[in-house]
Amino acid sequence: MNNLPEEKRNYMTPDELERFWAAMRRQPKADKRKRDLCLFKLLYTYGLRLSEVTLIRLDDLDFTAHRIFIRRTKRRNFGCQYQLSVENQRLIKEWLKVRKGLPYAAQLLQLFISVRGRGLDDQTISWSCKKYARAAGLPWVHPHTFRHSCAIDLVKGKAAIQDIKDRLGHAQITSTELYIKMVGPDRVERDNRLDAILEKR
């Protein structure tokens, strides 16, 4: 499946994903670099939709319990608590140090805001994604690509299908099974180490 041409694939290979992170780390402005690295890592780690990452609020973070609350936009009134990995905690805390110095930051509930002190919208995130993707030589990549990449990597890492369903916030198991078909049913075995699988990327 990894041999498919880019224009026929909706997910990144591990090498392509690393190229994207590398392009992001070259962002010369520290405030945007720390924000965007944190944001896109969350998109990937939790298989978030673009609308879901913009809904994350400061009070959704619990560093004591090492958890984050995610609102799933395609399931009305549905949200989930997820364990925060060590890496994601570090990235969030680095971004929060930058965030508190931005204009109007204390008045905004959203985790991710612009450097001008406004809530970050879908258009701005998509524009940033396009910029980094082009720098990485991956012009076909868009924010939803990270959700697909998360799913494919979990399937290839032999995570249980129910765990993948829960991670992606699917309402029906049939939606998750589409990723199984893309990779092959022989890949699916019981393995709960979702974060361990994704943090290798």
C-alpha atoms as a PDB file:
ATOM      1  CA  MET A   1       0.000   0.000   0.000  1.00  0.00           C
ATOM      2  CA  ASN A   2       2.881   2.357   0.701  1.00  0.00           C
ATOM      3  CA  ASN A   3       3.890   1.988  -2.943  1.00  0.00           C
ATOM      4  CA  LEU A   4       0.787   3.817  -4.144  1.00  0.00           C
ATOM      5  CA  PRO A   5       1.545   7.135  -5.862  1.00  0.00           C
ATOM      6  CA  GLU A   6       1.040  10.157  -3.612  1.00  0.00           C
ATOM      7  CA  GLU A   7      -2.014  11.434  -5.457  1.00  0.00           C
ATOM      8  CA  LYS A   8      -3.821   8.126  -4.780  1.00  0.00           C
ATOM      9  CA  ARG A   9      -2.929   7.964  -1.086  1.00  0.00           C
ATOM     10  CA  ASN A  10      -4.681   9.764   1.759  1.00  0.00           C
ATOM     11  CA  TYR A  11      -2.075   9.100   4.465  1.00  0.00           C
ATOM     12  CA  MET A  12       1.646   9.643   4.978  1.00  0.00           C
ATOM     13  CA  THR A  13       4.279   6.955   5.328  1.00  0.00           C
ATOM     14  CA  PRO A  14       6.560   7.176   8.400  1.00  0.00           C
ATOM     15  CA  ASP A  15       9.302   8.742   6.261  1.00  0.00           C
ATOM     16  CA  GLU A  16       6.911  11.341   4.869  1.00  0.00           C
ATOM     17  CA  LEU A  17       5.602  12.139   8.317  1.00  0.00           C
ATOM     18  CA  GLU A  18       9.135  12.732   9.550  1.00  0.00           C
ATOM     19  CA  ARG A  19       9.779  15.028   6.580  1.00  0.00           C
ATOM     20  CA  PHE A  20       6.741  17.063   7.617  1.00  0.00           C
ATOM     21  CA  TRP A  21       7.957  17.351  11.234  1.00  0.00           C
ATOM     22  CA  ALA A  22      11.413  18.323   9.997  1.00  0.00           C
ATOM     23  CA  ALA A  23       9.955  21.087   7.813  1.00  0.00           C
ATOM     24  CA  MET A  24       7.993  22.364  10.789  1.00  0.00           C
ATOM     25  CA  ARG A  25      11.065  22.401  13.031  1.00  0.00           C
ATOM     26  CA  ARG A  26      12.717  24.721  10.495  1.00  0.00           C
ATOM     27  CA  GLN A  27      10.059  27.389  11.131  1.00  0.00           C
ATOM     28  CA  PRO A  28      12.199  30.389  12.201  1.00  0.00           C
ATOM     29  CA  LYS A  29       9.528  31.979  14.414  1.00  0.00           C
ATOM     30  CA  ALA A  30       9.564  30.179  17.751  1.00  0.00           C
ATOM     31  CA  ASP A  31       5.979  31.092  18.676  1.00  0.00           C
ATOM     32  CA  LYS A  32       4.500  29.626  15.496  1.00  0.00           C
ATOM     33  CA  ARG A  33       6.878  26.656  15.518  1.00  0.00           C
ATOM     34  CA  LYS A  34       5.926  25.606  19.051  1.00  0.00           C
ATOM     35  CA  ARG A  35       2.230  26.151  18.450  1.00  0.00           C
ATOM     36  CA  ASP A  36       2.118  24.319  15.144  1.00  0.00           C
ATOM     37  CA  LEU A  37       4.250  21.386  16.265  1.00  0.00           C
ATOM     38  CA  CYS A  38       1.979  20.941  19.278  1.00  0.00           C
ATOM     39  CA  LEU A  39      -1.189  21.269  17.195  1.00  0.00           C
ATOM     40  CA  PHE A  40      -0.219  18.899  14.386  1.00  0.00           C
ATOM     41  CA  LYS A  41       1.165  16.314  16.807  1.00  0.00           C
ATOM     42  CA  LEU A  42      -2.253  16.302  18.502  1.00  0.00           C
ATOM     43  CA  LEU A  43      -3.962  15.960  15.115  1.00  0.00           C
ATOM     44  CA  TYR A  44      -1.857  12.884  14.447  1.00  0.00           C
ATOM     45  CA  THR A  45      -1.762  11.292  17.913  1.00  0.00           C
ATOM     46  CA  TYR A  46      -5.531  11.380  18.435  1.00  0.00           C
ATOM     47  CA  GLY A  47      -6.635  11.189  14.818  1.00  0.00           C
ATOM     48  CA  LEU A  48      -8.426  14.516  15.168  1.00  0.00           C
ATOM     49  CA  ARG A  49     -10.584  16.250  12.632  1.00  0.00           C
ATOM     50  CA  LEU A  50      -9.647  19.858  12.003  1.00  0.00           C
ATOM     51  CA  SER A  51     -12.797  21.102  13.734  1.00  0.00           C
ATOM     52  CA  GLU A  52     -11.936  19.031  16.815  1.00  0.00           C
ATOM     53  CA  VAL A  53      -8.482  20.477  17.391  1.00  0.00           C
ATOM     54  CA  THR A  54      -9.848  24.033  17.282  1.00  0.00           C
ATOM     55  CA  LEU A  55     -12.366  23.123  20.020  1.00  0.00           C
ATOM     56  CA  ILE A  56      -9.729  22.112  22.578  1.00  0.00           C
ATOM     57  CA  ARG A  57      -9.851  24.495  25.528  1.00  0.00           C
ATOM     58  CA  LEU A  58      -7.407  25.177  28.320  1.00  0.00           C
ATOM     59  CA  ASP A  59      -9.669  23.503  30.852  1.00  0.00           C
ATOM     60  CA  ASP A  60      -9.664  20.321  28.759  1.00  0.00           C
ATOM     61  CA  LEU A  61      -6.094  19.694  29.929  1.00  0.00           C
ATOM     62  CA  ASP A  62      -5.386  17.810  33.139  1.00  0.00           C
ATOM     63  CA  PHE A  63      -1.653  17.521  33.683  1.00  0.00           C
ATOM     64  CA  THR A  64      -2.150  15.939  37.103  1.00  0.00           C
ATOM     65  CA  ALA A  65      -4.017  12.993  35.613  1.00  0.00           C
ATOM     66  CA  HIS A  66      -2.072  13.296  32.324  1.00  0.00           C
ATOM     67  CA  ARG A  67      -5.273  13.472  30.297  1.00  0.00           C
ATOM     68  CA  ILE A  68      -6.930  15.565  27.602  1.00  0.00           C
ATOM     69  CA  PHE A  69     -10.636  15.906  26.785  1.00  0.00           C
ATOM     70  CA  ILE A  70     -11.573  15.841  23.095  1.00  0.00           C
ATOM     71  CA  ARG A  71     -14.979  16.836  21.697  1.00  0.00           C
ATOM     72  CA  ARG A  72     -15.863  14.651  18.729  1.00  0.00           C
ATOM     73  CA  THR A  73     -17.711  16.868  16.258  1.00  0.00           C
ATOM     74  CA  LYS A  74     -19.409  14.123  14.227  1.00  0.00           C
ATOM     75  CA  ARG A  75     -21.002  12.601  17.334  1.00  0.00           C
ATOM     76  CA  ARG A  76     -23.413  15.054  18.969  1.00  0.00           C
ATOM     77  CA  ASN A  77     -22.716  15.723  22.643  1.00  0.00           C
ATOM     78  CA  PHE A  78     -19.920  13.157  22.603  1.00  0.00           C
ATOM     79  CA  GLY A  79     -16.460  13.628  24.045  1.00  0.00           C
ATOM     80  CA  CYS A  80     -13.670  11.421  25.332  1.00  0.00           C
ATOM     81  CA  GLN A  81     -10.848  11.606  27.828  1.00  0.00           C
ATOM     82  CA  TYR A  82      -7.519  10.434  26.401  1.00  0.00           C
ATOM     83  CA  GLN A  83      -4.211   9.742  28.065  1.00  0.00           C
ATOM     84  CA  LEU A  84      -1.593  12.394  27.283  1.00  0.00           C
ATOM     85  CA  SER A  85       1.722  10.970  26.181  1.00  0.00           C
ATOM     86  CA  VAL A  86       4.952  12.338  27.623  1.00  0.00           C
ATOM     87  CA  GLU A  87       5.813  13.959  24.297  1.00  0.00           C
ATOM     88  CA  ASN A  88       2.444  15.652  23.917  1.00  0.00           C
ATOM     89  CA  GLN A  89       2.583  16.964  27.474  1.00  0.00           C
ATOM     90  CA  ARG A  90       5.987  18.460  26.764  1.00  0.00           C
ATOM     91  CA  LEU A  91       4.829  20.095  23.530  1.00  0.00           C
ATOM     92  CA  ILE A  92       1.681  21.495  25.134  1.00  0.00           C
ATOM     93  CA  LYS A  93       3.610  22.953  28.060  1.00  0.00           C
ATOM     94  CA  GLU A  94       6.147  24.566  25.718  1.00  0.00           C
ATOM     95  CA  TRP A  95       3.306  26.120  23.720  1.00  0.00           C
ATOM     96  CA  LEU A  96       1.542  27.331  26.878  1.00  0.00           C
ATOM     97  CA  LYS A  97       4.680  29.236  27.899  1.00  0.00           C
ATOM     98  CA  VAL A  98       4.533  31.064  24.567  1.00  0.00           C
ATOM     99  CA  ARG A  99       0.747  31.425  24.610  1.00  0.00           C
ATOM    100  CA  LYS A 100       0.591  33.310  27.914  1.00  0.00           C
ATOM    101  CA  GLY A 101       2.693  36.117  26.448  1.00  0.00           C
ATOM    102  CA  LEU A 102       0.428  36.687  23.436  1.00  0.00           C
ATOM    103  CA  PRO A 103      -2.122  39.530  23.249  1.00  0.00           C
ATOM    104  CA  TYR A 104      -5.494  38.782  24.892  1.00  0.00           C
ATOM    105  CA  ALA A 105      -4.340  35.249  25.785  1.00  0.00           C
ATOM    106  CA  ALA A 106      -5.824  35.434  29.283  1.00  0.00           C
ATOM    107  CA  GLN A 107      -9.247  36.237  27.807  1.00  0.00           C
ATOM    108  CA  LEU A 108      -9.381  33.290  25.410  1.00  0.00           C
ATOM    109  CA  LEU A 109     -10.468  29.769  26.321  1.00  0.00           C
ATOM    110  CA  GLN A 110      -9.073  28.026  23.239  1.00  0.00           C
ATOM    111  CA  LEU A 111      -5.779  26.167  23.586  1.00  0.00           C
ATOM    112  CA  PHE A 112      -4.616  27.285  20.160  1.00  0.00           C
ATOM    113  CA  ILE A 113      -4.646  30.980  19.311  1.00  0.00           C
ATOM    114  CA  SER A 114      -2.966  33.178  16.743  1.00  0.00           C
ATOM    115  CA  VAL A 115       0.101  35.268  17.522  1.00  0.00           C
ATOM    116  CA  ARG A 116      -2.231  38.290  17.391  1.00  0.00           C
ATOM    117  CA  GLY A 117      -4.384  36.915  20.174  1.00  0.00           C
ATOM    118  CA  ARG A 118      -7.347  35.452  18.323  1.00  0.00           C
ATOM    119  CA  GLY A 119      -8.868  31.998  18.260  1.00  0.00           C
ATOM    120  CA  LEU A 120      -7.232  29.860  15.594  1.00  0.00           C
ATOM    121  CA  ASP A 121      -9.615  28.947  12.773  1.00  0.00           C
ATOM    122  CA  ASP A 122      -9.697  26.107  10.245  1.00  0.00           C
ATOM    123  CA  GLN A 123      -8.493  28.307   7.402  1.00  0.00           C
ATOM    124  CA  THR A 124      -5.354  29.416   9.245  1.00  0.00           C
ATOM    125  CA  ILE A 125      -4.467  25.849  10.200  1.00  0.00           C
ATOM    126  CA  SER A 126      -5.023  24.640   6.634  1.00  0.00           C
ATOM    127  CA  TRP A 127      -2.820  27.408   5.304  1.00  0.00           C
ATOM    128  CA  SER A 128      -0.046  26.502   7.753  1.00  0.00           C
ATOM    129  CA  CYS A 129      -0.352  22.844   6.800  1.00  0.00           C
ATOM    130  CA  LYS A 130      -0.022  23.665   3.121  1.00  0.00           C
ATOM    131  CA  LYS A 131       3.084  25.754   3.801  1.00  0.00           C
ATOM    132  CA  TYR A 132       4.850  23.007   5.759  1.00  0.00           C
ATOM    133  CA  ALA A 133       3.720  20.317   3.327  1.00  0.00           C
ATOM    134  CA  ARG A 134       5.219  22.171   0.383  1.00  0.00           C
ATOM    135  CA  ALA A 135       8.461  22.701   2.305  1.00  0.00           C
ATOM    136  CA  ALA A 136       8.565  18.949   2.943  1.00  0.00           C
ATOM    137  CA  GLY A 137       7.911  18.135  -0.709  1.00  0.00           C
ATOM    138  CA  LEU A 138       4.438  16.794   0.135  1.00  0.00           C
ATOM    139  CA  PRO A 139       2.063  19.298  -1.528  1.00  0.00           C
ATOM    140  CA  TRP A 140      -0.868  16.842  -1.416  1.00  0.00           C
ATOM    141  CA  VAL A 141      -0.942  16.711   2.397  1.00  0.00           C
ATOM    142  CA  HIS A 142      -3.775  18.510   4.237  1.00  0.00           C
ATOM    143  CA  PRO A 143      -4.918  18.466   7.903  1.00  0.00           C
ATOM    144  CA  HIS A 144      -7.167  15.409   7.498  1.00  0.00           C
ATOM    145  CA  THR A 145      -4.168  13.447   6.217  1.00  0.00           C
ATOM    146  CA  PHE A 146      -2.962  13.234   9.824  1.00  0.00           C
ATOM    147  CA  ARG A 147      -6.163  11.481  10.901  1.00  0.00           C
ATOM    148  CA  HIS A 148      -5.741   8.865   8.176  1.00  0.00           C
ATOM    149  CA  SER A 149      -2.035   8.504   9.000  1.00  0.00           C
ATOM    150  CA  CYS A 150      -2.864   7.877  12.656  1.00  0.00           C
ATOM    151  CA  ALA A 151      -5.351   5.151  11.727  1.00  0.00           C
ATOM    152  CA  ILE A 152      -3.048   3.420   9.258  1.00  0.00           C
ATOM    153  CA  ASP A 153      -0.093   3.459  11.661  1.00  0.00           C
ATOM    154  CA  LEU A 154      -2.229   1.958  14.435  1.00  0.00           C
ATOM    155  CA  VAL A 155      -3.460  -0.789  12.115  1.00  0.00           C
ATOM    156  CA  LYS A 156       0.070  -1.548  10.977  1.00  0.00           C
ATOM    157  CA  GLY A 157       1.197  -1.477  14.601  1.00  0.00           C
ATOM    158  CA  LYS A 158      -1.335  -4.253  15.286  1.00  0.00           C
ATOM    159  CA  ALA A 159      -3.540  -2.268  17.683  1.00  0.00           C
ATOM    160  CA  ALA A 160      -6.931  -3.823  18.416  1.00  0.00           C
ATOM    161  CA  ILE A 161      -9.733  -2.585  16.176  1.00  0.00           C
ATOM    162  CA  GLN A 162     -11.825  -1.448  19.173  1.00  0.00           C
ATOM    163  CA  ASP A 163      -8.888   0.618  20.445  1.00  0.00           C
ATOM    164  CA  ILE A 164      -8.487   2.220  17.015  1.00  0.00           C
ATOM    165  CA  LYS A 165     -12.229   2.958  16.910  1.00  0.00           C
ATOM    166  CA  ASP A 166     -12.036   4.617  20.323  1.00  0.00           C
ATOM    167  CA  ARG A 167      -8.951   6.619  19.390  1.00  0.00           C
ATOM    168  CA  LEU A 168     -10.574   7.989  16.223  1.00  0.00           C
ATOM    169  CA  GLY A 169     -13.953   8.612  17.852  1.00  0.00           C
ATOM    170  CA  HIS A 170     -15.854   6.553  15.280  1.00  0.00           C
ATOM    171  CA  ALA A 171     -19.536   5.995  16.007  1.00  0.00           C
ATOM    172  CA  GLN A 172     -19.569   2.714  14.058  1.00  0.00           C
ATOM    173  CA  ILE A 173     -16.947  -0.022  13.858  1.00  0.00           C
ATOM    174  CA  THR A 174     -17.570  -0.208  10.097  1.00  0.00           C
ATOM    175  CA  SER A 175     -15.812   3.147   9.699  1.00  0.00           C
ATOM    176  CA  THR A 176     -12.729   1.733  11.409  1.00  0.00           C
ATOM    177  CA  GLU A 177     -12.832  -1.442   9.336  1.00  0.00           C
ATOM    178  CA  LEU A 178     -12.173   0.600   6.202  1.00  0.00           C
ATOM    179  CA  TYR A 179      -8.606   1.126   7.426  1.00  0.00           C
ATOM    180  CA  ILE A 180      -8.251  -2.583   8.144  1.00  0.00           C
ATOM    181  CA  LYS A 181      -9.185  -3.336   4.535  1.00  0.00           C
ATOM    182  CA  MET A 182      -6.587  -0.846   3.284  1.00  0.00           C
ATOM    183  CA  VAL A 183      -3.770  -2.593   5.145  1.00  0.00           C
ATOM    184  CA  GLY A 184      -4.995  -6.188   5.375  1.00  0.00           C
ATOM    185  CA  PRO A 185      -6.886  -8.093   8.084  1.00  0.00           C
ATOM    186  CA  ASP A 186      -3.819 -10.148   9.041  1.00  0.00           C
ATOM    187  CA  ARG A 187      -2.389  -6.982  10.623  1.00  0.00           C
ATOM    188  CA  VAL A 188      -4.966  -6.846  13.420  1.00  0.00           C
ATOM    189  CA  GLU A 189      -3.881  -8.339  16.745  1.00  0.00           C
ATOM    190  CA  ARG A 190      -4.401  -7.384  20.369  1.00  0.00           C
ATOM    191  CA  ASP A 191      -1.974  -4.650  21.375  1.00  0.00           C
ATOM    192  CA  ASN A 192      -2.999  -1.746  23.596  1.00  0.00           C
ATOM    193  CA  ARG A 193       0.196   0.265  23.225  1.00  0.00           C
ATOM    194  CA  LEU A 194      -1.326   2.932  20.987  1.00  0.00           C
ATOM    195  CA  ASP A 195       0.932   5.757  22.126  1.00  0.00           C
ATOM    196  CA  ALA A 196       4.002   3.547  21.831  1.00  0.00           C
ATOM    197  CA  ILE A 197       3.093   2.827  18.216  1.00  0.00           C
ATOM    198  CA  LEU A 198       2.507   6.456  17.295  1.00  0.00           C
ATOM    199  CA  GLU A 199       5.471   7.923  19.181  1.00  0.00           C
ATOM    200  CA  LYS A 200       7.821   5.968  16.928  1.00  0.00           C
ATOM    201  CA  ARG A 201       6.749   8.246  14.075  1.00  0.00           C
END
